[in-house]
């Protein structure tokens, strides 16, 4: 049976995970010569993009995004990618 965990403890844990993810992104940029972030247009890579933007705010992302168009995506997904890139200046 799951024990009750107060909301403030859950939020604190979530913030710690977010901080760790942003730390890892900064470490990758510090260590690697040519880092790149793969962007599949999915929910996971969209969250990762948000974390990367937050990690390097207020500056721009220090690495490019890479999206491989396999031709299997819906046309709307490519349109979403293009609109997002334009809106974020990527």
PDB file of N, CA and C in Angstrom:
ATOM      1  N   UNK A   1       0.834  -1.178   0.000  1.00  0.00           N
ATOM      2  CA  UNK A   1       0.000   0.000   0.000  1.00  0.00           C
ATOM      3  C   UNK A   1       0.884   1.248   0.000  1.00  0.00           C
ATOM      4  N   UNK A   2       0.507   2.256  -0.766  1.00  0.00           N
ATOM      5  CA  UNK A   2       1.270   3.495  -0.839  1.00  0.00           C
ATOM      6  C   UNK A   2       0.981   4.379   0.357  1.00  0.00           C
ATOM      7  N   UNK A   3       2.029   4.933   0.925  1.00  0.00           N
ATOM      8  CA  UNK A   3       1.871   5.871   2.030  1.00  0.00           C
ATOM      9  C   UNK A   3       1.548   7.245   1.468  1.00  0.00           C
ATOM     10  N   UNK A   4       0.785   7.995   2.219  1.00  0.00           N
ATOM     11  CA  UNK A   4       0.433   9.354   1.808  1.00  0.00           C
ATOM     12  C   UNK A   4       1.668  10.239   1.880  1.00  0.00           C
ATOM     13  N   UNK A   5       1.924  10.973   0.816  1.00  0.00           N
ATOM     14  CA  UNK A   5       3.035  11.926   0.782  1.00  0.00           C
ATOM     15  C   UNK A   5       2.438  13.304   0.563  1.00  0.00           C
ATOM     16  N   UNK A   6       2.677  14.236   1.486  1.00  0.00           N
ATOM     17  CA  UNK A   6       2.115  15.580   1.335  1.00  0.00           C
ATOM     18  C   UNK A   6       2.563  16.236   0.030  1.00  0.00           C
ATOM     19  N   UNK A   7       1.708  17.094  -0.492  1.00  0.00           N
ATOM     20  CA  UNK A   7       1.972  17.753  -1.779  1.00  0.00           C
ATOM     21  C   UNK A   7       3.273  18.536  -1.758  1.00  0.00           C
ATOM     22  N   UNK A   8       3.580  19.209  -0.648  1.00  0.00           N
ATOM     23  CA  UNK A   8       4.810  20.011  -0.615  1.00  0.00           C
ATOM     24  C   UNK A   8       6.052  19.128  -0.713  1.00  0.00           C
ATOM     25  N   UNK A   9       5.992  17.896  -0.193  1.00  0.00           N
ATOM     26  CA  UNK A   9       7.127  16.980  -0.334  1.00  0.00           C
ATOM     27  C   UNK A   9       7.239  16.459  -1.761  1.00  0.00           C
ATOM     28  N   UNK A  10       6.109  16.188  -2.399  1.00  0.00           N
ATOM     29  CA  UNK A  10       6.135  15.736  -3.797  1.00  0.00           C
ATOM     30  C   UNK A  10       6.692  16.837  -4.685  1.00  0.00           C
ATOM     31  N   UNK A  11       6.255  18.081  -4.446  1.00  0.00           N
ATOM     32  CA  UNK A  11       6.732  19.209  -5.241  1.00  0.00           C
ATOM     33  C   UNK A  11       8.223  19.424  -5.018  1.00  0.00           C
ATOM     34  N   UNK A  12       8.670  19.281  -3.785  1.00  0.00           N
ATOM     35  CA  UNK A  12      10.087  19.425  -3.480  1.00  0.00           C
ATOM     36  C   UNK A  12      10.908  18.375  -4.233  1.00  0.00           C
ATOM     37  N   UNK A  13      10.416  17.149  -4.283  1.00  0.00           N
ATOM     38  CA  UNK A  13      11.105  16.075  -5.007  1.00  0.00           C
ATOM     39  C   UNK A  13      11.138  16.378  -6.508  1.00  0.00           C
ATOM     40  N   UNK A  14      10.035  16.876  -7.038  1.00  0.00           N
ATOM     41  CA  UNK A  14       9.973  17.225  -8.455  1.00  0.00           C
ATOM     42  C   UNK A  14      10.966  18.337  -8.780  1.00  0.00           C
ATOM     43  N   UNK A  15      11.064  19.325  -7.913  1.00  0.00           N
ATOM     44  CA  UNK A  15      12.031  20.415  -8.132  1.00  0.00           C
ATOM     45  C   UNK A  15      13.466  19.896  -8.098  1.00  0.00           C
ATOM     46  N   UNK A  16      13.738  18.942  -7.214  1.00  0.00           N
ATOM     47  CA  UNK A  16      15.079  18.356  -7.148  1.00  0.00           C
ATOM     48  C   UNK A  16      15.399  17.603  -8.442  1.00  0.00           C
ATOM     49  N   UNK A  17      14.435  16.867  -8.972  1.00  0.00           N
ATOM     50  CA  UNK A  17      14.643  16.161 -10.240  1.00  0.00           C
ATOM     51  C   UNK A  17      14.870  17.144 -11.381  1.00  0.00           C
ATOM     52  N   UNK A  18      14.104  18.225 -11.402  1.00  0.00           N
ATOM     53  CA  UNK A  18      14.268  19.248 -12.432  1.00  0.00           C
ATOM     54  C   UNK A  18      15.652  19.879 -12.342  1.00  0.00           C
ATOM     55  N   UNK A  19      16.092  20.201 -11.129  1.00  0.00           N
ATOM     56  CA  UNK A  19      17.413  20.805 -10.942  1.00  0.00           C
ATOM     57  C   UNK A  19      18.519  19.853 -11.389  1.00  0.00           C
ATOM     58  N   UNK A  20      18.357  18.569 -11.099  1.00  0.00           N
ATOM     59  CA  UNK A  20      19.354  17.584 -11.517  1.00  0.00           C
ATOM     60  C   UNK A  20      19.420  17.485 -13.042  1.00  0.00           C
ATOM     61  N   UNK A  21      18.272  17.485 -13.701  1.00  0.00           N
ATOM     62  CA  UNK A  21      18.241  17.416 -15.163  1.00  0.00           C
ATOM     63  C   UNK A  21      18.924  18.635 -15.778  1.00  0.00           C
ATOM     64  N   UNK A  22      18.660  19.820 -15.235  1.00  0.00           N
ATOM     65  CA  UNK A  22      19.285  21.030 -15.771  1.00  0.00           C
ATOM     66  C   UNK A  22      20.789  21.020 -15.514  1.00  0.00           C
ATOM     67  N   UNK A  23      21.208  20.485 -14.372  1.00  0.00           N
ATOM     68  CA  UNK A  23      22.642  20.366 -14.074  1.00  0.00           C
ATOM     69  C   UNK A  23      23.322  19.454 -15.101  1.00  0.00           C
ATOM     70  N   UNK A  24      22.684  18.345 -15.414  1.00  0.00           N
ATOM     71  CA  UNK A  24      23.246  17.409 -16.398  1.00  0.00           C
ATOM     72  C   UNK A  24      23.373  18.082 -17.765  1.00  0.00           C
ATOM     73  N   UNK A  25      22.366  18.847 -18.170  1.00  0.00           N
ATOM     74  CA  UNK A  25      22.434  19.560 -19.453  1.00  0.00           C
ATOM     75  C   UNK A  25      23.610  20.535 -19.467  1.00  0.00           C
ATOM     76  N   UNK A  26      23.801  21.262 -18.379  1.00  0.00           N
ATOM     77  CA  UNK A  26      24.924  22.216 -18.305  1.00  0.00           C
ATOM     78  C   UNK A  26      26.267  21.486 -18.336  1.00  0.00           C
ATOM     79  N   UNK A  27      26.345  20.347 -17.662  1.00  0.00           N
ATOM     80  CA  UNK A  27      27.576  19.558 -17.668  1.00  0.00           C
ATOM     81  C   UNK A  27      27.902  19.053 -19.069  1.00  0.00           C
ATOM     82  N   UNK A  28      26.905  18.604 -19.792  1.00  0.00           N
ATOM     83  CA  UNK A  28      27.120  18.128 -21.164  1.00  0.00           C
ATOM     84  C   UNK A  28      27.708  19.245 -22.017  1.00  0.00           C
ATOM     85  N   UNK A  29      27.156  20.436 -21.896  1.00  0.00           N
ATOM     86  CA  UNK A  29      27.654  21.574 -22.678  1.00  0.00           C
ATOM     87  C   UNK A  29      29.085  21.914 -22.277  1.00  0.00           C
ATOM     88  N   UNK A  30      29.394  21.796 -20.992  1.00  0.00           N
ATOM     89  CA  UNK A  30      30.739  22.123 -20.520  1.00  0.00           C
ATOM     90  C   UNK A  30      31.776  21.098 -20.975  1.00  0.00           C
ATOM     91  N   UNK A  31      31.366  19.852 -21.147  1.00  0.00           N
ATOM     92  CA  UNK A  31      32.316  18.774 -21.423  1.00  0.00           C
ATOM     93  C   UNK A  31      32.412  18.415 -22.904  1.00  0.00           C
ATOM     94  N   UNK A  32      31.303  18.422 -23.609  1.00  0.00           N
ATOM     95  CA  UNK A  32      31.288  17.950 -24.992  1.00  0.00           C
ATOM     96  C   UNK A  32      31.635  19.072 -25.971  1.00  0.00           C
ATOM     97  N   UNK A  33      32.266  18.703 -27.076  1.00  0.00           N
ATOM     98  CA  UNK A  33      32.643  19.698 -28.080  1.00  0.00           C
ATOM     99  C   UNK A  33      31.462  20.182 -28.897  1.00  0.00           C
ATOM    100  N   UNK A  34      30.639  19.277 -29.359  1.00  0.00           N
ATOM    101  CA  UNK A  34      29.522  19.661 -30.225  1.00  0.00           C
ATOM    102  C   UNK A  34      28.235  18.958 -29.793  1.00  0.00           C
ATOM    103  N   UNK A  35      27.687  19.352 -28.661  1.00  0.00           N
ATOM    104  CA  UNK A  35      26.440  18.700 -28.235  1.00  0.00           C
ATOM    105  C   UNK A  35      25.275  19.082 -29.141  1.00  0.00           C
ATOM    106  N   UNK A  36      24.275  18.259 -29.123  1.00  0.00           N
ATOM    107  CA  UNK A  36      23.085  18.459 -29.936  1.00  0.00           C
ATOM    108  C   UNK A  36      21.923  17.833 -29.181  1.00  0.00           C
ATOM    109  N   UNK A  37      20.744  18.395 -29.311  1.00  0.00           N
ATOM    110  CA  UNK A  37      19.557  17.844 -28.651  1.00  0.00           C
ATOM    111  C   UNK A  37      18.635  17.286 -29.718  1.00  0.00           C
ATOM    112  N   UNK A  38      18.384  15.990 -29.647  1.00  0.00           N
ATOM    113  CA  UNK A  38      17.465  15.363 -30.588  1.00  0.00           C
ATOM    114  C   UNK A  38      16.044  15.740 -30.198  1.00  0.00           C
ATOM    115  N   UNK A  39      15.251  16.169 -31.168  1.00  0.00           N
ATOM    116  CA  UNK A  39      13.873  16.586 -30.911  1.00  0.00           C
ATOM    117  C   UNK A  39      12.944  15.792 -31.816  1.00  0.00           C
ATOM    118  N   UNK A  40      12.145  14.913 -31.204  1.00  0.00           N
ATOM    119  CA  UNK A  40      11.270  14.035 -31.982  1.00  0.00           C
ATOM    120  C   UNK A  40       9.851  14.577 -32.131  1.00  0.00           C
ATOM    121  N   UNK A  41       9.572  15.716 -31.526  1.00  0.00           N
ATOM    122  CA  UNK A  41       8.258  16.348 -31.491  1.00  0.00           C
ATOM    123  C   UNK A  41       7.350  15.662 -30.463  1.00  0.00           C
ATOM    124  N   UNK A  42       7.846  14.632 -29.800  1.00  0.00           N
ATOM    125  CA  UNK A  42       7.051  13.934 -28.797  1.00  0.00           C
ATOM    126  C   UNK A  42       7.053  14.640 -27.459  1.00  0.00           C
ATOM    127  N   UNK A  43       6.275  14.107 -26.540  1.00  0.00           N
ATOM    128  CA  UNK A  43       6.132  14.735 -25.229  1.00  0.00           C
ATOM    129  C   UNK A  43       7.435  14.705 -24.442  1.00  0.00           C
ATOM    130  N   UNK A  44       8.196  13.623 -24.528  1.00  0.00           N
ATOM    131  CA  UNK A  44       9.437  13.528 -23.766  1.00  0.00           C
ATOM    132  C   UNK A  44      10.475  14.540 -24.249  1.00  0.00           C
ATOM    133  N   UNK A  45      10.650  14.637 -25.558  1.00  0.00           N
ATOM    134  CA  UNK A  45      11.648  15.580 -26.059  1.00  0.00           C
ATOM    135  C   UNK A  45      11.169  17.020 -25.913  1.00  0.00           C
ATOM    136  N   UNK A  46       9.861  17.238 -25.872  1.00  0.00           N
ATOM    137  CA  UNK A  46       9.342  18.585 -25.632  1.00  0.00           C
ATOM    138  C   UNK A  46       9.641  19.014 -24.198  1.00  0.00           C
ATOM    139  N   UNK A  47       9.501  18.097 -23.252  1.00  0.00           N
ATOM    140  CA  UNK A  47       9.863  18.398 -21.857  1.00  0.00           C
ATOM    141  C   UNK A  47      11.360  18.660 -21.760  1.00  0.00           C
ATOM    142  N   UNK A  48      12.174  17.855 -22.446  1.00  0.00           N
ATOM    143  CA  UNK A  48      13.617  18.057 -22.424  1.00  0.00           C
ATOM    144  C   UNK A  48      13.993  19.408 -23.028  1.00  0.00           C
ATOM    145  N   UNK A  49      13.334  19.803 -24.094  1.00  0.00           N
ATOM    146  CA  UNK A  49      13.572  21.119 -24.686  1.00  0.00           C
ATOM    147  C   UNK A  49      13.233  22.217 -23.687  1.00  0.00           C
ATOM    148  N   UNK A  50      12.114  22.078 -22.985  1.00  0.00           N
ATOM    149  CA  UNK A  50      11.731  23.066 -21.972  1.00  0.00           C
ATOM    150  C   UNK A  50      12.798  23.145 -20.872  1.00  0.00           C
ATOM    151  N   UNK A  51      13.278  21.996 -20.410  1.00  0.00           N
ATOM    152  CA  UNK A  51      14.317  21.986 -19.374  1.00  0.00           C
ATOM    153  C   UNK A  51      15.605  22.637 -19.877  1.00  0.00           C
ATOM    154  N   UNK A  52      15.963  22.373 -21.120  1.00  0.00           N
ATOM    155  CA  UNK A  52      17.176  22.971 -21.685  1.00  0.00           C
ATOM    156  C   UNK A  52      17.039  24.486 -21.776  1.00  0.00           C
ATOM    157  N   UNK A  53      15.894  24.955 -22.229  1.00  0.00           N
ATOM    158  CA  UNK A  53      15.687  26.406 -22.313  1.00  0.00           C
ATOM    159  C   UNK A  53      15.750  27.034 -20.927  1.00  0.00           C
ATOM    160  N   UNK A  54      15.182  26.350 -19.942  1.00  0.00           N
ATOM    161  CA  UNK A  54      15.200  26.851 -18.566  1.00  0.00           C
ATOM    162  C   UNK A  54      16.623  26.823 -17.993  1.00  0.00           C
ATOM    163  N   UNK A  55      17.393  25.800 -18.324  1.00  0.00           N
ATOM    164  CA  UNK A  55      18.757  25.666 -17.812  1.00  0.00           C
ATOM    165  C   UNK A  55      19.673  26.779 -18.308  1.00  0.00           C
ATOM    166  N   UNK A  56      19.442  27.269 -19.512  1.00  0.00           N
ATOM    167  CA  UNK A  56      20.335  28.271 -20.099  1.00  0.00           C
ATOM    168  C   UNK A  56      19.698  29.656 -20.204  1.00  0.00           C
ATOM    169  N   UNK A  57      18.533  29.829 -19.616  1.00  0.00           N
ATOM    170  CA  UNK A  57      17.861  31.128 -19.603  1.00  0.00           C
ATOM    171  C   UNK A  57      18.725  32.131 -18.854  1.00  0.00           C
ATOM    172  N   UNK A  58      18.863  33.356 -19.275  1.00  0.00           N
ATOM    173  CA  UNK A  58      18.131  34.043 -20.332  1.00  0.00           C
ATOM    174  C   UNK A  58      18.812  33.964 -21.692  1.00  0.00           C
ATOM    175  N   UNK A  59      19.898  33.225 -21.790  1.00  0.00           N
ATOM    176  CA  UNK A  59      20.604  33.118 -23.058  1.00  0.00           C
ATOM    177  C   UNK A  59      19.961  32.107 -23.989  1.00  0.00           C
ATOM    178  N   UNK A  60      20.475  32.045 -25.207  1.00  0.00           N
ATOM    179  CA  UNK A  60      19.959  31.060 -26.169  1.00  0.00           C
ATOM    180  C   UNK A  60      20.509  29.673 -25.845  1.00  0.00           C
ATOM    181  N   UNK A  61      19.926  28.665 -26.443  1.00  0.00           N
ATOM    182  CA  UNK A  61      20.456  27.314 -26.283  1.00  0.00           C
ATOM    183  C   UNK A  61      21.859  27.267 -26.885  1.00  0.00           C
ATOM    184  N   UNK A  62      22.812  26.674 -26.187  1.00  0.00           N
ATOM    185  CA  UNK A  62      24.182  26.627 -26.707  1.00  0.00           C
ATOM    186  C   UNK A  62      24.434  25.443 -27.638  1.00  0.00           C
ATOM    187  N   UNK A  63      23.381  24.827 -28.108  1.00  0.00           N
ATOM    188  CA  UNK A  63      23.513  23.696 -29.022  1.00  0.00           C
ATOM    189  C   UNK A  63      22.306  23.678 -29.950  1.00  0.00           C
ATOM    190  N   UNK A  64      22.465  23.066 -31.122  1.00  0.00           N
ATOM    191  CA  UNK A  64      21.334  22.984 -32.056  1.00  0.00           C
ATOM    192  C   UNK A  64      20.386  21.850 -31.682  1.00  0.00           C
ATOM    193  N   UNK A  65      19.181  21.946 -32.200  1.00  0.00           N
ATOM    194  CA  UNK A  65      18.224  20.845 -32.109  1.00  0.00           C
ATOM    195  C   UNK A  65      18.317  20.051 -33.400  1.00  0.00           C
ATOM    196  N   UNK A  66      18.099  18.758 -33.298  1.00  0.00           N
ATOM    197  CA  UNK A  66      18.119  17.900 -34.473  1.00  0.00           C
ATOM    198  C   UNK A  66      16.803  17.151 -34.539  1.00  0.00           C
ATOM    199  N   UNK A  67      16.118  17.284 -35.664  1.00  0.00           N
ATOM    200  CA  UNK A  67      14.903  16.514 -35.886  1.00  0.00           C
ATOM    201  C   UNK A  67      15.086  15.735 -37.176  1.00  0.00           C
ATOM    202  N   UNK A  68      14.878  14.437 -37.109  1.00  0.00           N
ATOM    203  CA  UNK A  68      14.987  13.579 -38.284  1.00  0.00           C
ATOM    204  C   UNK A  68      13.579  13.344 -38.811  1.00  0.00           C
ATOM    205  N   UNK A  69      13.312  13.840 -39.998  1.00  0.00           N
ATOM    206  CA  UNK A  69      11.999  13.657 -40.610  1.00  0.00           C
ATOM    207  C   UNK A  69      12.005  12.330 -41.354  1.00  0.00           C
ATOM    208  N   UNK A  70      11.373  11.350 -40.763  1.00  0.00           N
ATOM    209  CA  UNK A  70      11.353  10.008 -41.350  1.00  0.00           C
ATOM    210  C   UNK A  70      10.277   9.852 -42.411  1.00  0.00           C
ATOM    211  N   UNK A  71       9.379  10.829 -42.484  1.00  0.00           N
ATOM    212  CA  UNK A  71       8.273  10.733 -43.416  1.00  0.00           C
ATOM    213  C   UNK A  71       7.073   9.996 -42.844  1.00  0.00           C
ATOM    214  N   UNK A  72       7.204   9.475 -41.636  1.00  0.00           N
ATOM    215  CA  UNK A  72       6.121   8.733 -40.999  1.00  0.00           C
ATOM    216  C   UNK A  72       5.231   9.629 -40.141  1.00  0.00           C
ATOM    217  N   UNK A  73       5.685  10.833 -39.834  1.00  0.00           N
ATOM    218  CA  UNK A  73       4.896  11.722 -38.993  1.00  0.00           C
ATOM    219  C   UNK A  73       3.749  12.336 -39.786  1.00  0.00           C
ATOM    220  N   UNK A  74       2.732  12.756 -39.055  1.00  0.00           N
ATOM    221  CA  UNK A  74       1.648  13.508 -39.680  1.00  0.00           C
ATOM    222  C   UNK A  74       2.186  14.861 -40.127  1.00  0.00           C
ATOM    223  N   UNK A  75       1.616  15.422 -41.174  1.00  0.00           N
ATOM    224  CA  UNK A  75       2.049  16.734 -41.670  1.00  0.00           C
ATOM    225  C   UNK A  75       1.937  17.789 -40.578  1.00  0.00           C
ATOM    226  N   UNK A  76       0.925  17.656 -39.727  1.00  0.00           N
ATOM    227  CA  UNK A  76       0.720  18.629 -38.648  1.00  0.00           C
ATOM    228  C   UNK A  76       1.884  18.637 -37.657  1.00  0.00           C
ATOM    229  N   UNK A  77       2.554  17.515 -37.514  1.00  0.00           N
ATOM    230  CA  UNK A  77       3.700  17.467 -36.599  1.00  0.00           C
ATOM    231  C   UNK A  77       4.847  18.316 -37.131  1.00  0.00           C
ATOM    232  N   UNK A  78       5.092  18.237 -38.415  1.00  0.00           N
ATOM    233  CA  UNK A  78       6.120  19.081 -39.020  1.00  0.00           C
ATOM    234  C   UNK A  78       5.758  20.549 -38.943  1.00  0.00           C
ATOM    235  N   UNK A  79       4.480  20.849 -39.127  1.00  0.00           N
ATOM    236  CA  UNK A  79       4.024  22.236 -39.008  1.00  0.00           C
ATOM    237  C   UNK A  79       4.209  22.737 -37.579  1.00  0.00           C
ATOM    238  N   UNK A  80       3.889  21.887 -36.601  1.00  0.00           N
ATOM    239  CA  UNK A  80       4.092  22.247 -35.198  1.00  0.00           C
ATOM    240  C   UNK A  80       5.564  22.522 -34.927  1.00  0.00           C
ATOM    241  N   UNK A  81       6.442  21.642 -35.435  1.00  0.00           N
ATOM    242  CA  UNK A  81       7.887  21.817 -35.262  1.00  0.00           C
ATOM    243  C   UNK A  81       8.349  23.153 -35.828  1.00  0.00           C
ATOM    244  N   UNK A  82       7.879  23.475 -37.027  1.00  0.00           N
ATOM    245  CA  UNK A  82       8.290  24.718 -37.672  1.00  0.00           C
ATOM    246  C   UNK A  82       7.786  25.941 -36.913  1.00  0.00           C
ATOM    247  N   UNK A  83       6.529  25.882 -36.447  1.00  0.00           N
ATOM    248  CA  UNK A  83       5.983  27.009 -35.666  1.00  0.00           C
ATOM    249  C   UNK A  83       6.733  27.173 -34.346  1.00  0.00           C
ATOM    250  N   UNK A  84       7.028  26.059 -33.688  1.00  0.00           N
ATOM    251  CA  UNK A  84       7.752  26.112 -32.420  1.00  0.00           C
ATOM    252  C   UNK A  84       9.148  26.685 -32.625  1.00  0.00           C
ATOM    253  N   UNK A  85       9.835  26.233 -33.655  1.00  0.00           N
ATOM    254  CA  UNK A  85      11.180  26.741 -33.940  1.00  0.00           C
ATOM    255  C   UNK A  85      11.150  28.237 -34.212  1.00  0.00           C
ATOM    256  N   UNK A  86      10.164  28.695 -34.966  1.00  0.00           N
ATOM    257  CA  UNK A  86      10.056  30.127 -35.258  1.00  0.00           C
ATOM    258  C   UNK A  86       9.745  30.918 -33.992  1.00  0.00           C
ATOM    259  N   UNK A  87       8.825  30.401 -33.187  1.00  0.00           N
ATOM    260  CA  UNK A  87       8.423  31.113 -31.966  1.00  0.00           C
ATOM    261  C   UNK A  87       9.574  31.205 -30.967  1.00  0.00           C
ATOM    262  N   UNK A  88      10.387  30.145 -30.875  1.00  0.00           N
ATOM    263  CA  UNK A  88      11.489  30.117 -29.914  1.00  0.00           C
ATOM    264  C   UNK A  88      12.798  30.642 -30.495  1.00  0.00           C
ATOM    265  N   UNK A  89      12.794  30.967 -31.766  1.00  0.00           N
ATOM    266  CA  UNK A  89      14.009  31.465 -32.399  1.00  0.00           C
ATOM    267  C   UNK A  89      15.081  30.392 -32.535  1.00  0.00           C
ATOM    268  N   UNK A  90      14.658  29.187 -32.850  1.00  0.00           N
ATOM    269  CA  UNK A  90      15.604  28.063 -32.968  1.00  0.00           C
ATOM    270  C   UNK A  90      15.893  27.747 -34.422  1.00  0.00           C
TER     271      UNK A  90
END
